[in-house]
Protein backbone atom coordinates (compact mmCIF):
# COMPACT_ATOMS: atom_id res chain seq x y z
CA MET A 1 -30.70 75.27 -69.99
CA ASP A 2 -28.62 74.55 -66.69
CA GLN A 3 -28.43 71.39 -66.20
CA PRO A 4 -28.53 70.83 -62.10
CA VAL A 5 -24.89 69.08 -60.37
CA ASP A 6 -24.72 66.12 -58.61
CA PRO A 7 -22.96 67.71 -55.81
CA SER A 8 -21.05 64.11 -55.46
CA ARG A 9 -19.32 64.86 -58.66
CA ILE A 10 -17.96 68.45 -57.53
CA PRO A 11 -13.72 67.80 -56.89
CA THR A 12 -13.22 68.85 -52.88
CA PRO A 13 -9.43 69.02 -51.68
CA ALA A 14 -8.00 65.67 -50.05
CA ALA A 15 -7.01 66.00 -46.96
CA GLY A 16 -3.41 63.68 -46.12
CA PRO A 17 -0.03 64.49 -45.87
CA LEU A 18 -0.23 65.21 -49.37
CA GLU A 19 -0.75 68.83 -48.62
CA PRO A 20 2.87 70.17 -49.55
CA GLU A 21 2.74 67.88 -53.16
CA ARG A 22 -0.16 68.89 -54.19
CA GLU A 23 1.02 73.19 -53.27
CA GLY A 24 4.07 72.27 -55.62
CA THR A 25 1.52 71.00 -57.89
CA LEU A 26 -0.57 73.68 -58.06
CA SER A 27 2.68 75.55 -58.50
CA ARG A 28 3.84 74.42 -61.24
CA LEU A 29 0.69 73.98 -62.72
CA HIS A 30 0.11 77.83 -62.61
CA GLY A 31 3.68 78.15 -63.90
CA ALA A 32 2.75 76.35 -66.80
CA LEU A 33 0.12 78.69 -67.45
CA GLU A 34 1.67 81.80 -68.00
CA ARG A 35 4.52 80.25 -70.13
CA ASP A 36 1.96 78.83 -72.60
CA GLU A 37 3.41 75.35 -71.83
CA ILE A 38 -0.84 74.42 -71.18
CA THR A 39 -4.06 75.79 -72.40
CA LEU A 40 -6.16 77.55 -69.67
CA ALA A 41 -8.70 74.48 -70.09
CA GLN A 42 -5.68 72.48 -69.24
CA PHE A 43 -5.03 73.97 -66.42
CA ASP A 44 -8.57 73.86 -65.11
CA GLU A 45 -8.79 70.17 -66.11
CA ARG A 46 -5.54 69.28 -63.70
CA VAL A 47 -6.63 71.41 -60.64
CA GLU A 48 -9.37 69.68 -60.37
CA LEU A 49 -7.72 66.71 -60.21
CA ALA A 50 -5.05 68.26 -58.42
CA MET A 51 -7.55 68.83 -55.84
CA THR A 52 -8.89 65.58 -56.11
CA ALA A 53 -5.71 62.89 -55.80
CA SER A 54 -5.22 60.52 -52.71
CA ASN A 55 -1.87 60.11 -53.68
CA ARG A 56 1.63 60.98 -55.05
CA ALA A 57 1.36 58.84 -58.39
CA GLU A 58 -1.53 61.08 -59.72
CA LEU A 59 0.17 64.21 -58.25
CA ALA A 60 3.04 63.37 -60.82
CA VAL A 61 0.94 62.18 -63.77
CA LEU A 62 -0.31 65.98 -64.06
CA THR A 63 3.24 67.26 -64.37
CA ARG A 64 5.11 64.99 -66.27
CA ASP A 65 5.19 67.02 -69.89
CA LEU A 66 5.85 70.33 -68.15
CA THR A 67 9.21 72.09 -68.33
CA VAL A 68 11.59 71.00 -65.55
CA PRO A 69 11.77 73.93 -62.75
CA GLY A 70 14.90 75.32 -63.17
CA ARG A 71 15.72 74.34 -66.89
CA LYS A 72 15.75 77.46 -69.02
CA SER A 73 12.97 78.15 -71.21
CA LEU A 74 12.54 80.24 -74.65
CA PRO A 75 11.84 83.86 -74.28
CA VAL A 76 8.79 85.30 -74.14
CA PRO A 77 8.54 87.61 -76.87
CA ALA A 78 8.11 91.05 -75.88
CA ALA A 79 5.27 91.84 -78.28
CA THR A 80 3.27 89.25 -76.22
CA SER A 81 0.54 90.39 -74.53
CA ARG A 82 -0.54 88.09 -71.85
CA ALA A 83 -0.16 87.71 -67.96
CA SER A 84 -1.37 85.33 -65.65
CA ILE A 85 -2.29 86.27 -62.32
CA PHE A 86 -2.98 83.54 -59.49
CA ALA A 87 -3.92 82.48 -56.22
CA PHE A 88 -3.47 79.84 -54.03
CA LEU A 89 -4.43 79.36 -50.47
CA GLY A 90 -4.13 83.69 -50.65
CA GLY A 91 -4.74 86.68 -51.81
CA ALA A 92 -3.48 88.74 -55.55
CA ASP A 93 -4.46 92.25 -56.23
CA ARG A 94 -3.77 94.24 -59.21
CA ARG A 95 -4.82 97.95 -58.58
CA GLY A 96 -3.42 101.64 -58.76
CA ALA A 97 -1.82 102.72 -61.76
CA TRP A 98 -1.14 98.73 -64.24
CA SER A 99 -0.88 98.40 -67.61
CA VAL A 100 -2.91 95.70 -68.68
CA PRO A 101 -2.53 92.86 -71.59
CA GLY A 102 -4.39 92.02 -73.91
CA GLN A 103 -5.34 88.58 -72.27
CA LEU A 104 -5.77 87.86 -68.60
CA ARG A 105 -5.96 85.02 -67.42
CA VAL A 106 -6.96 84.40 -63.28
CA ALA A 107 -7.41 81.58 -61.19
CA ALA A 108 -8.17 81.53 -57.61
CA ALA A 109 -8.47 78.02 -56.14
CA MET A 110 -9.06 78.93 -52.03
CA GLY A 111 -7.74 82.46 -52.42
CA GLY A 112 -9.02 85.72 -53.61
CA VAL A 113 -7.88 87.68 -56.61
CA GLU A 114 -8.58 91.67 -56.78
CA LEU A 115 -8.37 93.40 -59.83
CA ASP A 116 -9.06 97.07 -60.36
CA PHE A 117 -9.24 98.94 -63.73
CA ARG A 118 -10.03 101.98 -62.28
CA ARG A 119 -6.48 103.51 -62.89
CA ALA A 120 -5.69 100.95 -65.33
CA GLU A 121 -4.15 101.27 -68.14
CA LEU A 122 -5.76 98.70 -71.10
CA THR A 123 -3.30 98.21 -74.19
CA ALA A 124 -6.14 96.55 -76.33
CA ALA A 125 -9.06 97.76 -78.07
CA VAL A 126 -10.54 94.25 -76.44
CA THR A 127 -9.16 93.53 -73.45
CA GLU A 128 -10.11 89.64 -73.17
CA ILE A 129 -10.19 88.15 -68.96
CA ARG A 130 -10.56 85.00 -68.82
CA CYS A 131 -11.35 83.72 -65.43
CA PHE A 132 -11.51 80.52 -62.63
CA ALA A 133 -12.18 80.20 -59.61
CA LEU A 134 -12.61 77.26 -57.61
CA MET A 135 -13.85 77.85 -53.74
CA GLY A 136 -12.22 81.26 -53.76
CA GLY A 137 -13.44 84.77 -55.32
CA ILE A 138 -12.23 87.48 -57.71
CA ASP A 139 -13.19 90.60 -57.75
CA ILE A 140 -13.23 93.58 -60.65
CA LEU A 141 -13.76 96.89 -60.07
CA VAL A 142 -14.54 99.02 -63.66
CA PRO A 143 -15.25 102.58 -63.36
CA PRO A 144 -17.84 103.98 -65.33
CA ASP A 145 -17.02 104.25 -68.65
CA LEU A 146 -16.02 101.03 -69.08
CA ARG A 147 -18.14 98.87 -71.44
CA VAL A 148 -18.21 95.22 -69.64
CA GLU A 149 -19.33 92.19 -71.76
CA CYS A 150 -19.55 89.60 -69.14
CA HIS A 151 -20.55 85.56 -69.71
CA GLY A 152 -19.55 82.95 -67.38
CA THR A 153 -20.89 80.31 -65.40
CA GLY A 154 -21.39 79.83 -62.23
CA ILE A 155 -21.48 75.95 -60.98
CA MET A 156 -22.62 75.77 -56.84
CA GLY A 157 -21.38 79.86 -57.56
CA GLY A 158 -21.45 82.89 -58.49
CA PHE A 159 -20.67 84.68 -61.76
CA SER A 160 -21.89 88.77 -61.95
CA SER A 161 -21.57 91.34 -63.09
CA THR A 162 -22.75 94.75 -62.25
CA GLY A 163 -20.93 96.51 -65.40
CA ASN A 164 -22.79 98.94 -68.28
CA PRO A 165 -22.33 97.06 -70.85
CA GLY A 166 -23.80 99.95 -72.75
CA ALA A 167 -21.16 102.67 -71.21
CA GLY A 168 -18.00 103.76 -73.43
CA VAL A 169 -19.43 102.41 -76.71
CA ASP A 170 -16.74 103.97 -78.69
CA GLY A 171 -13.89 103.01 -76.07
CA PRO A 172 -12.34 99.94 -74.88
CA THR A 173 -14.97 97.01 -73.75
CA LEU A 174 -13.28 95.05 -70.90
CA ARG A 175 -14.27 90.96 -71.72
CA VAL A 176 -14.88 89.01 -69.07
CA THR A 177 -15.50 85.32 -68.87
CA GLY A 178 -14.81 81.62 -66.96
CA VAL A 179 -16.41 79.60 -64.80
CA ALA A 180 -16.98 79.80 -60.75
CA LEU A 181 -16.92 76.75 -59.21
CA MET A 182 -18.06 76.58 -55.51
CA GLY A 183 -16.60 80.41 -55.88
CA GLY A 184 -17.27 83.83 -57.10
CA VAL A 185 -17.12 86.03 -59.75
CA THR A 186 -18.10 89.50 -59.66
CA VAL A 187 -17.62 92.73 -61.83
CA ARG A 188 -18.70 96.05 -59.75
CA VAL A 189 -18.95 99.18 -61.35
CA ARG A 190 -17.50 101.91 -58.62
CA ARG A 191 -16.20 105.55 -59.63
CA ARG A 192 -12.42 106.37 -60.72
CA ALA A 193 -10.07 106.74 -57.30
């Protein structure tokens, strides 16, 4: 059973002159997540710490073990079927005909992401989407024949699905997991465009 959340433990952005450094830190964290330098759990933890940091030293600690920007890193093999989508104080979307990797990490921090799977090409039998919404929203549109499994946690936010869990039993599956912290993750069924 879910425990009540103590509102005093929820991170809120610290106001002040640190905003450019905070945005730079969040950008570097996103890059590290895309390069698989850090896990999604580490990314989530560091984003929360970045949002509540009150000085430059606290921000610097969050990225000191990451690849230095501009330094060449090892190439990612073409066979890797992973991607990340990140929106911070803005938006990102994927719609129309697009190729979906087997694993997709999606984060929205005070921003929004829309993913439209109605004309998308799924490259795996089970497509895993790990979501993290911090004071932002992730909206996922699926066709009626796509099987959806949705298992997420909403903390002072929402994680919901109107997807049909029995649809397309023999076809591909979209598995949506993650956390919505003062934000929302929604999966909605729409007819194919």
